[in-house]
C-alpha atoms as a PDB file:
ATOM      1  CA  MET A   1       0.139   0.027   0.184  1.00  0.00           C
ATOM      2  CA  ALA A   2       1.371   3.275  -0.903  1.00  0.00           C
ATOM      3  CA  VAL A   3       2.326   5.888   1.741  1.00  0.00           C
ATOM      4  CA  GLN A   4       0.185   8.947   1.654  1.00  0.00           C
ATOM      5  CA  ARG A   5       2.274  12.067   1.884  1.00  0.00           C
ATOM      6  CA  ARG A   6       1.271  15.281   3.433  1.00  0.00           C
ATOM      7  CA  TYR A   7       2.469  17.341   0.484  1.00  0.00           C
ATOM      8  CA  PRO A   8       2.540  16.625  -2.953  1.00  0.00           C
ATOM      9  CA  GLN A   9       5.844  15.713  -4.686  1.00  0.00           C
ATOM     10  CA  GLU A  10       5.546  19.118  -7.047  1.00  0.00           C
ATOM     11  CA  LEU A  11       5.181  21.421  -3.920  1.00  0.00           C
ATOM     12  CA  ARG A  12       7.930  19.872  -2.418  1.00  0.00           C
ATOM     13  CA  ARG A  13      10.149  20.260  -5.397  1.00  0.00           C
ATOM     14  CA  ARG A  14       9.006  23.538  -5.975  1.00  0.00           C
ATOM     15  CA  ALA A  15       9.430  24.922  -2.460  1.00  0.00           C
ATOM     16  CA  ALA A  16      13.179  23.487  -2.521  1.00  0.00           C
ATOM     17  CA  ARG A  17      13.669  25.561  -5.989  1.00  0.00           C
ATOM     18  CA  LEU A  18      12.222  28.458  -4.242  1.00  0.00           C
ATOM     19  CA  VAL A  19      14.393  28.198  -1.382  1.00  0.00           C
ATOM     20  CA  LEU A  20      17.708  27.584  -3.525  1.00  0.00           C
ATOM     21  CA  ASP A  21      16.675  30.539  -6.159  1.00  0.00           C
ATOM     22  CA  ALA A  22      15.530  33.038  -3.049  1.00  0.00           C
ATOM     23  CA  ARG A  23      19.319  31.868  -1.506  1.00  0.00           C
ATOM     24  CA  ASP A  24      21.196  32.738  -4.938  1.00  0.00           C
ATOM     25  CA  GLU A  25      19.330  36.076  -5.033  1.00  0.00           C
ATOM     26  CA  ALA A  26      19.684  37.294  -1.539  1.00  0.00           C
ATOM     27  CA  GLY A  27      23.187  35.995  -1.248  1.00  0.00           C
ATOM     28  CA  GLY A  28      22.205  34.618   2.194  1.00  0.00           C
ATOM     29  CA  ARG A  29      20.880  31.820   3.953  1.00  0.00           C
ATOM     30  CA  ARG A  30      19.332  33.222   7.135  1.00  0.00           C
ATOM     31  CA  GLY A  31      15.707  33.222   7.057  1.00  0.00           C
ATOM     32  CA  VAL A  32      14.939  32.086   3.309  1.00  0.00           C
ATOM     33  CA  CYS A  33      13.309  28.350   4.487  1.00  0.00           C
ATOM     34  CA  THR A  34      11.111  30.282   7.370  1.00  0.00           C
ATOM     35  CA  ARG A  35       9.888  32.976   4.628  1.00  0.00           C
ATOM     36  CA  VAL A  36       9.131  30.583   1.937  1.00  0.00           C
ATOM     37  CA  GLY A  37       7.831  27.914   4.307  1.00  0.00           C
ATOM     38  CA  GLN A  38       5.071  30.722   5.538  1.00  0.00           C
ATOM     39  CA  GLN A  39       4.077  31.579   1.991  1.00  0.00           C
ATOM     40  CA  LEU A  40       3.542  28.009   0.902  1.00  0.00           C
ATOM     41  CA  GLY A  41       2.372  26.596   4.201  1.00  0.00           C
ATOM     42  CA  VAL A  42       5.422  24.258   4.886  1.00  0.00           C
ATOM     43  CA  PRO A  43       6.990  23.950   8.183  1.00  0.00           C
ATOM     44  CA  PRO A  44      10.581  25.474   8.103  1.00  0.00           C
ATOM     45  CA  ASP A  45      12.290  22.057   9.315  1.00  0.00           C
ATOM     46  CA  THR A  46      10.263  20.016   6.703  1.00  0.00           C
ATOM     47  CA  LEU A  47      11.491  22.374   4.033  1.00  0.00           C
ATOM     48  CA  ARG A  48      15.056  22.906   5.530  1.00  0.00           C
ATOM     49  CA  GLY A  49      15.574  18.686   4.914  1.00  0.00           C
ATOM     50  CA  ARG A  50      13.880  18.907   1.592  1.00  0.00           C
ATOM     51  CA  VAL A  51      16.496  21.443   0.308  1.00  0.00           C
ATOM     52  CA  HIS A  52      19.304  19.630   1.942  1.00  0.00           C
ATOM     53  CA  ARG A  53      18.246  16.346   0.154  1.00  0.00           C
ATOM     54  CA  ALA A  54      17.914  18.507  -3.284  1.00  0.00           C
ATOM     55  CA  GLU A  55      21.399  20.295  -2.805  1.00  0.00           C
ATOM     56  CA  ILE A  56      22.958  16.428  -2.106  1.00  0.00           C
ATOM     57  CA  ASN A  57      20.943  15.103  -5.003  1.00  0.00           C
ATOM     58  CA  GLU A  58      22.402  18.040  -7.275  1.00  0.00           C
ATOM     59  CA  GLY A  59      25.878  17.299  -6.157  1.00  0.00           C
ATOM     60  CA  ALA A  60      26.289  20.856  -4.259  1.00  0.00           C
ATOM     61  CA  ARG A  61      26.656  18.931  -1.033  1.00  0.00           C
ATOM     62  CA  PRO A  62      28.374  15.829  -0.117  1.00  0.00           C
ATOM     63  CA  GLY A  63      26.292  12.712   0.717  1.00  0.00           C
ATOM     64  CA  THR A  64      24.430   9.934  -0.889  1.00  0.00           C
ATOM     65  CA  THR A  65      22.114  10.773  -3.626  1.00  0.00           C
ATOM     66  CA  ALA A  66      18.776   9.374  -4.034  1.00  0.00           C
ATOM     67  CA  ASP A  67      19.381   7.276  -7.009  1.00  0.00           C
ATOM     68  CA  GLU A  68      22.564   5.922  -5.333  1.00  0.00           C
ATOM     69  CA  HIS A  69      20.302   5.176  -2.029  1.00  0.00           C
ATOM     70  CA  ALA A  70      17.706   3.106  -4.373  1.00  0.00           C
ATOM     71  CA  GLN A  71      21.035   1.234  -6.086  1.00  0.00           C
ATOM     72  CA  LEU A  72      22.053   0.253  -2.403  1.00  0.00           C
ATOM     73  CA  VAL A  73      18.905  -0.810  -1.135  1.00  0.00           C
ATOM     74  CA  ALA A  74      18.164  -3.057  -4.265  1.00  0.00           C
ATOM     75  CA  LEU A  75      21.987  -4.648  -4.010  1.00  0.00           C
ATOM     76  CA  GLU A  76      21.345  -5.213  -0.188  1.00  0.00           C
ATOM     77  CA  ARG A  77      18.361  -6.826  -0.970  1.00  0.00           C
ATOM     78  CA  GLU A  78      20.260  -8.956  -3.681  1.00  0.00           C
ATOM     79  CA  VAL A  79      23.027  -9.699  -1.254  1.00  0.00           C
ATOM     80  CA  ARG A  80      20.102 -11.142   1.324  1.00  0.00           C
ATOM     81  CA  GLU A  81      18.405 -13.198  -1.479  1.00  0.00           C
ATOM     82  CA  LEU A  82      21.771 -14.654  -2.384  1.00  0.00           C
ATOM     83  CA  ARG A  83      22.948 -15.821   0.943  1.00  0.00           C
ATOM     84  CA  ARG A  84      19.785 -17.256   1.515  1.00  0.00           C
ATOM     85  CA  ALA A  85      19.982 -19.236  -1.373  1.00  0.00           C
ATOM     86  CA  ASN A  86      23.764 -20.082  -0.435  1.00  0.00           C
ATOM     87  CA  ALA A  87      22.439 -21.476   2.873  1.00  0.00           C
ATOM     88  CA  ILE A  88      19.964 -23.865   1.292  1.00  0.00           C
ATOM     89  CA  VAL A  89      22.534 -25.390  -1.151  1.00  0.00           C
ATOM     90  CA  LYS A  90      24.837 -25.604   1.774  1.00  0.00           C
ATOM     91  CA  ALA A  91      22.348 -27.514   3.811  1.00  0.00           C
ATOM     92  CA  ALA A  92      21.356 -29.429   0.617  1.00  0.00           C
ATOM     93  CA  SER A  93      24.864 -30.469   0.408  1.00  0.00           C
ATOM     94  CA  ARG A  94      25.365 -31.672   3.895  1.00  0.00           C
ATOM     95  CA  LEU A  95      22.111 -33.585   3.811  1.00  0.00           C
ATOM     96  CA  SER A  96      23.027 -35.188   0.811  1.00  0.00           C
ATOM     97  CA  SER A  97      26.608 -36.397   1.926  1.00  0.00           C
ATOM     98  CA  ARG A  98      25.207 -37.636   4.895  1.00  0.00           C
ATOM     99  CA  ARG A  99      22.835 -39.687   2.817  1.00  0.00           C
ATOM    100  CA  SER A 100      25.587 -40.999   0.644  1.00  0.00           C
ATOM    101  CA  SER A 101      27.904 -41.669   3.686  1.00  0.00           C
ATOM    102  CA  THR A 102      25.180 -43.887   5.570  1.00  0.00           C
ATOM    103  CA  ALA A 103      24.240 -45.602   2.055  1.00  0.00           C
ATOM    104  CA  HIS A 104      27.473 -47.175   2.250  1.00  0.00           C
END
């Protein structure tokens, strides 16, 4: 079941873009999230986190991008599945070797 978000994706993108543009124009960071947040009805801390994530995704700030995170999650899932499959093969191999040694 999909998680229902309080703010639509488009509003979140637009709000982050407005903050980044306002920072570029004003040349400062103080109060921009609060001002834009009040205009759009978004809490400043929520907006600050969204802007932080947007800066990481754009490469302006160090960190793991959303695409890299999704890739890591997929790779971790694959590793778990492969480890499970490996455990099954090892168990089957042990069982098979026990049966062959008792048959002789």
